[in-house]
Amino acid sequence: MTLRPGFKPDWLLLLLAVANSSFVTRYYDIAFHNKLYAGRRRFMTQYVKKFPLPPLEAPVAQRIIQVVGERIANKMPDEDREMEIDQLVWESFGLVEEVCR
């Protein structure tokens, strides 16, 4: 992804979090109904450009940006951080992920 001129670089971190979240997977399945064989999703531009994003100025969005930046700087797998980011994405839309076990 690239930013258009005039957009803050923080948008890339927020986009990265949303695009890799379980929220966007659920959103995709409900909004687009386009799965390939074996349940794989086809993330084409026409779908990705319709993904919702929380307002950049929202406190939870700022927290997402902070945690994603720290996660990238760490460069090591960190499952706890990734789970935190996923939960924050759900929270940024006023939702809580229902975990099925």
N, C-alpha and C. Protein backbone atom coordinates (compact mmCIF):
# COMPACT_ATOMS: atom_id res chain seq x y z
N MET A 1 0.84 -1.17 0.00
CA MET A 1 0.00 0.00 0.00
C MET A 1 0.88 1.23 0.00
N THR A 2 0.41 2.25 -0.65
CA THR A 2 1.11 3.52 -0.65
C THR A 2 0.12 4.62 -0.29
N LEU A 3 0.64 5.68 0.24
CA LEU A 3 -0.20 6.81 0.62
C LEU A 3 -0.24 7.85 -0.48
N ARG A 4 -1.38 8.47 -0.60
CA ARG A 4 -1.47 9.62 -1.50
C ARG A 4 -0.81 10.81 -0.82
N PRO A 5 -0.33 11.76 -1.60
CA PRO A 5 0.30 12.95 -1.01
C PRO A 5 -0.66 13.64 -0.04
N GLY A 6 -0.09 14.10 1.07
CA GLY A 6 -0.88 14.83 2.05
C GLY A 6 -1.47 13.98 3.17
N PHE A 7 -1.34 12.65 3.08
CA PHE A 7 -1.85 11.78 4.14
C PHE A 7 -0.74 11.48 5.14
N LYS A 8 -1.10 11.40 6.41
CA LYS A 8 -0.14 11.11 7.46
C LYS A 8 0.34 9.66 7.36
N PRO A 9 1.63 9.41 7.61
CA PRO A 9 2.16 8.05 7.59
C PRO A 9 1.47 7.11 8.59
N ASP A 10 0.88 7.68 9.64
CA ASP A 10 0.16 6.85 10.62
C ASP A 10 -0.94 6.03 9.97
N TRP A 11 -1.48 6.52 8.85
CA TRP A 11 -2.53 5.76 8.16
C TRP A 11 -2.03 4.38 7.75
N LEU A 12 -0.76 4.27 7.35
CA LEU A 12 -0.24 2.96 6.94
C LEU A 12 -0.24 1.96 8.09
N LEU A 13 0.10 2.42 9.29
CA LEU A 13 0.09 1.52 10.44
C LEU A 13 -1.33 1.10 10.79
N LEU A 14 -2.26 2.03 10.69
CA LEU A 14 -3.66 1.71 10.97
C LEU A 14 -4.21 0.76 9.90
N LEU A 15 -3.89 1.02 8.65
CA LEU A 15 -4.30 0.12 7.56
C LEU A 15 -3.73 -1.29 7.75
N LEU A 16 -2.49 -1.36 8.14
CA LEU A 16 -1.84 -2.65 8.37
C LEU A 16 -2.57 -3.44 9.45
N ALA A 17 -2.93 -2.76 10.53
CA ALA A 17 -3.63 -3.43 11.63
C ALA A 17 -5.00 -3.93 11.19
N VAL A 18 -5.76 -3.08 10.52
CA VAL A 18 -7.11 -3.46 10.10
C VAL A 18 -7.05 -4.58 9.06
N ALA A 19 -6.16 -4.45 8.10
CA ALA A 19 -6.08 -5.44 7.02
C ALA A 19 -5.69 -6.83 7.51
N ASN A 20 -4.98 -6.90 8.62
CA ASN A 20 -4.53 -8.18 9.16
C ASN A 20 -5.35 -8.66 10.35
N SER A 21 -6.50 -8.06 10.56
CA SER A 21 -7.31 -8.39 11.73
C SER A 21 -8.36 -9.45 11.43
N SER A 22 -8.82 -10.08 12.48
CA SER A 22 -9.94 -11.02 12.34
C SER A 22 -11.22 -10.25 12.02
N PHE A 23 -11.27 -8.98 12.42
CA PHE A 23 -12.42 -8.13 12.10
C PHE A 23 -12.61 -8.04 10.59
N VAL A 24 -11.54 -7.75 9.87
CA VAL A 24 -11.66 -7.56 8.43
C VAL A 24 -11.97 -8.88 7.72
N THR A 25 -11.50 -9.98 8.28
CA THR A 25 -11.86 -11.28 7.71
C THR A 25 -13.36 -11.51 7.84
N ARG A 26 -13.91 -11.22 9.00
CA ARG A 26 -15.36 -11.38 9.20
C ARG A 26 -16.12 -10.39 8.33
N TYR A 27 -15.66 -9.16 8.27
CA TYR A 27 -16.29 -8.13 7.44
C TYR A 27 -16.32 -8.58 5.97
N TYR A 28 -15.19 -9.07 5.49
CA TYR A 28 -15.07 -9.52 4.10
C TYR A 28 -16.09 -10.62 3.81
N ASP A 29 -16.16 -11.59 4.69
CA ASP A 29 -17.07 -12.72 4.47
C ASP A 29 -18.53 -12.27 4.42
N ILE A 30 -18.89 -11.30 5.22
CA ILE A 30 -20.28 -10.81 5.24
C ILE A 30 -20.56 -9.88 4.06
N ALA A 31 -19.63 -9.00 3.76
CA ALA A 31 -19.88 -7.96 2.75
C ALA A 31 -19.69 -8.43 1.31
N PHE A 32 -18.78 -9.37 1.07
CA PHE A 32 -18.42 -9.67 -0.31
C PHE A 32 -18.74 -11.09 -0.78
N HIS A 33 -18.84 -12.05 0.08
CA HIS A 33 -19.21 -13.43 -0.28
C HIS A 33 -18.39 -13.97 -1.45
N ASN A 34 -17.11 -13.70 -1.48
CA ASN A 34 -16.29 -14.13 -2.59
C ASN A 34 -15.14 -14.99 -2.08
N LYS A 35 -15.39 -16.28 -1.98
CA LYS A 35 -14.34 -17.20 -1.56
C LYS A 35 -13.98 -18.12 -2.71
N LEU A 36 -12.73 -18.49 -2.72
CA LEU A 36 -12.23 -19.44 -3.71
C LEU A 36 -12.28 -20.84 -3.12
N TYR A 37 -11.68 -21.79 -3.82
CA TYR A 37 -11.62 -23.15 -3.32
C TYR A 37 -10.97 -23.18 -1.94
N ALA A 38 -11.32 -24.15 -1.17
CA ALA A 38 -10.78 -24.35 0.18
C ALA A 38 -11.02 -23.15 1.09
N GLY A 39 -12.01 -22.34 0.78
CA GLY A 39 -12.37 -21.22 1.65
C GLY A 39 -11.42 -20.04 1.62
N ARG A 40 -10.56 -19.98 0.65
CA ARG A 40 -9.61 -18.86 0.57
C ARG A 40 -10.30 -17.61 0.05
N ARG A 41 -9.83 -16.48 0.52
CA ARG A 41 -10.42 -15.20 0.12
C ARG A 41 -9.55 -14.54 -0.95
N ARG A 42 -10.20 -13.82 -1.83
CA ARG A 42 -9.49 -13.09 -2.88
C ARG A 42 -9.55 -11.61 -2.52
N PHE A 43 -8.47 -11.08 -1.96
CA PHE A 43 -8.43 -9.69 -1.52
C PHE A 43 -8.02 -8.78 -2.68
N MET A 44 -8.97 -8.51 -3.55
CA MET A 44 -8.72 -7.65 -4.71
C MET A 44 -8.99 -6.20 -4.33
N THR A 45 -8.40 -5.29 -5.07
CA THR A 45 -8.53 -3.87 -4.81
C THR A 45 -9.98 -3.43 -4.67
N GLN A 46 -10.86 -3.95 -5.51
CA GLN A 46 -12.26 -3.52 -5.46
C GLN A 46 -12.91 -3.82 -4.11
N TYR A 47 -12.39 -4.82 -3.38
CA TYR A 47 -12.91 -5.14 -2.06
C TYR A 47 -12.13 -4.39 -0.98
N VAL A 48 -10.82 -4.43 -1.07
CA VAL A 48 -9.97 -3.83 -0.04
C VAL A 48 -10.24 -2.33 0.10
N LYS A 49 -10.50 -1.65 -0.99
CA LYS A 49 -10.74 -0.21 -0.90
C LYS A 49 -12.04 0.12 -0.15
N LYS A 50 -12.88 -0.90 0.08
CA LYS A 50 -14.13 -0.69 0.81
C LYS A 50 -14.03 -1.07 2.28
N PHE A 51 -12.85 -1.51 2.72
CA PHE A 51 -12.69 -1.85 4.13
C PHE A 51 -12.88 -0.61 4.98
N PRO A 52 -13.59 -0.71 6.07
CA PRO A 52 -13.77 0.46 6.94
C PRO A 52 -12.49 0.73 7.73
N LEU A 53 -12.31 1.99 8.08
CA LEU A 53 -11.19 2.39 8.93
C LEU A 53 -11.73 3.29 10.04
N PRO A 54 -11.22 3.13 11.24
CA PRO A 54 -11.64 4.04 12.31
C PRO A 54 -11.01 5.41 12.08
N PRO A 55 -11.59 6.44 12.69
CA PRO A 55 -10.99 7.78 12.55
C PRO A 55 -9.57 7.80 13.12
N LEU A 56 -8.66 8.38 12.39
CA LEU A 56 -7.25 8.43 12.80
C LEU A 56 -7.07 9.11 14.16
N GLU A 57 -7.91 10.09 14.44
CA GLU A 57 -7.77 10.87 15.67
C GLU A 57 -8.34 10.17 16.90
N ALA A 58 -9.10 9.10 16.72
CA ALA A 58 -9.72 8.41 17.84
C ALA A 58 -8.64 7.83 18.77
N PRO A 59 -8.86 7.91 20.08
CA PRO A 59 -7.86 7.38 21.01
C PRO A 59 -7.50 5.91 20.75
N VAL A 60 -8.47 5.09 20.42
CA VAL A 60 -8.16 3.68 20.18
C VAL A 60 -7.34 3.53 18.90
N ALA A 61 -7.57 4.35 17.89
CA ALA A 61 -6.77 4.31 16.67
C ALA A 61 -5.33 4.72 16.98
N GLN A 62 -5.16 5.71 17.83
CA GLN A 62 -3.82 6.13 18.22
C GLN A 62 -3.09 5.02 18.97
N ARG A 63 -3.82 4.28 19.79
CA ARG A 63 -3.24 3.14 20.51
C ARG A 63 -2.83 2.04 19.51
N ILE A 64 -3.68 1.79 18.53
CA ILE A 64 -3.35 0.80 17.49
C ILE A 64 -2.06 1.20 16.80
N ILE A 65 -1.96 2.44 16.40
CA ILE A 65 -0.77 2.95 15.71
C ILE A 65 0.48 2.76 16.57
N GLN A 66 0.36 3.07 17.85
CA GLN A 66 1.48 2.92 18.77
C GLN A 66 1.92 1.46 18.88
N VAL A 67 0.97 0.58 19.11
CA VAL A 67 1.30 -0.85 19.30
C VAL A 67 1.85 -1.45 18.01
N VAL A 68 1.27 -1.11 16.86
CA VAL A 68 1.78 -1.63 15.59
C VAL A 68 3.21 -1.14 15.35
N GLY A 69 3.46 0.13 15.63
CA GLY A 69 4.81 0.67 15.48
C GLY A 69 5.81 -0.06 16.35
N GLU A 70 5.42 -0.35 17.61
CA GLU A 70 6.29 -1.10 18.51
C GLU A 70 6.50 -2.52 18.00
N ARG A 71 5.45 -3.12 17.49
CA ARG A 71 5.52 -4.49 16.98
C ARG A 71 6.47 -4.57 15.79
N ILE A 72 6.40 -3.59 14.91
CA ILE A 72 7.28 -3.57 13.74
C ILE A 72 8.73 -3.35 14.16
N ALA A 73 8.94 -2.45 15.11
CA ALA A 73 10.29 -2.17 15.58
C ALA A 73 10.93 -3.39 16.24
N ASN A 74 10.11 -4.22 16.89
CA ASN A 74 10.61 -5.40 17.58
C ASN A 74 11.15 -6.45 16.60
N LYS A 75 10.50 -6.60 15.47
CA LYS A 75 10.90 -7.53 14.40
C LYS A 75 10.89 -9.00 14.82
N MET A 76 10.39 -9.30 15.98
CA MET A 76 10.31 -10.68 16.44
C MET A 76 8.84 -11.06 16.60
N PRO A 77 8.50 -12.30 16.35
CA PRO A 77 7.11 -12.72 16.56
C PRO A 77 6.66 -12.42 17.99
N ASP A 78 5.48 -11.90 18.12
CA ASP A 78 4.95 -11.55 19.44
C ASP A 78 3.44 -11.76 19.42
N GLU A 79 3.03 -12.97 19.74
CA GLU A 79 1.62 -13.34 19.66
C GLU A 79 0.74 -12.48 20.57
N ASP A 80 1.25 -12.12 21.75
CA ASP A 80 0.47 -11.29 22.67
C ASP A 80 0.18 -9.92 22.07
N ARG A 81 1.19 -9.31 21.44
CA ARG A 81 0.99 -8.01 20.79
C ARG A 81 0.01 -8.11 19.64
N GLU A 82 0.12 -9.18 18.87
CA GLU A 82 -0.77 -9.35 17.72
C GLU A 82 -2.21 -9.53 18.18
N MET A 83 -2.41 -10.26 19.28
CA MET A 83 -3.75 -10.41 19.83
C MET A 83 -4.28 -9.08 20.35
N GLU A 84 -3.41 -8.29 20.97
CA GLU A 84 -3.80 -6.97 21.46
C GLU A 84 -4.23 -6.07 20.30
N ILE A 85 -3.47 -6.09 19.23
CA ILE A 85 -3.81 -5.28 18.05
C ILE A 85 -5.16 -5.72 17.49
N ASP A 86 -5.37 -7.01 17.39
CA ASP A 86 -6.63 -7.52 16.87
C ASP A 86 -7.80 -7.06 17.73
N GLN A 87 -7.67 -7.15 19.04
CA GLN A 87 -8.73 -6.70 19.95
C GLN A 87 -8.97 -5.21 19.82
N LEU A 88 -7.90 -4.43 19.67
CA LEU A 88 -8.04 -2.98 19.51
C LEU A 88 -8.78 -2.62 18.23
N VAL A 89 -8.54 -3.38 17.17
CA VAL A 89 -9.26 -3.12 15.91
C VAL A 89 -10.75 -3.31 16.13
N TRP A 90 -11.14 -4.42 16.76
CA TRP A 90 -12.56 -4.64 17.04
C TRP A 90 -13.11 -3.49 17.88
N GLU A 91 -12.37 -3.10 18.91
CA GLU A 91 -12.80 -2.01 19.79
C GLU A 91 -12.95 -0.70 19.03
N SER A 92 -12.10 -0.48 18.04
CA SER A 92 -12.15 0.79 17.30
C SER A 92 -13.46 0.95 16.53
N PHE A 93 -14.14 -0.16 16.30
CA PHE A 93 -15.44 -0.11 15.62
C PHE A 93 -16.60 -0.30 16.60
N GLY A 94 -16.27 -0.24 17.90
CA GLY A 94 -17.31 -0.37 18.92
C GLY A 94 -17.81 -1.79 19.08
N LEU A 95 -16.97 -2.78 18.73
CA LEU A 95 -17.38 -4.18 18.76
C LEU A 95 -16.41 -4.99 19.62
N VAL A 96 -16.87 -6.18 19.97
CA VAL A 96 -16.03 -7.14 20.68
C VAL A 96 -16.11 -8.44 19.89
N GLU A 97 -14.95 -9.01 19.61
CA GLU A 97 -14.93 -10.27 18.87
C GLU A 97 -15.48 -11.39 19.75
N GLU A 98 -16.37 -12.17 19.19
CA GLU A 98 -16.85 -13.35 19.88
C GLU A 98 -15.94 -14.50 19.53
N VAL A 99 -15.32 -15.04 20.54
CA VAL A 99 -14.39 -16.13 20.31
C VAL A 99 -15.12 -17.45 20.49
N CYS A 100 -15.10 -18.26 19.45
CA CYS A 100 -15.74 -19.57 19.50
C CYS A 100 -14.70 -20.60 19.88
N ARG A 101 -14.98 -21.35 20.90
CA ARG A 101 -14.04 -22.40 21.33
C ARG A 101 -14.73 -23.71 21.38
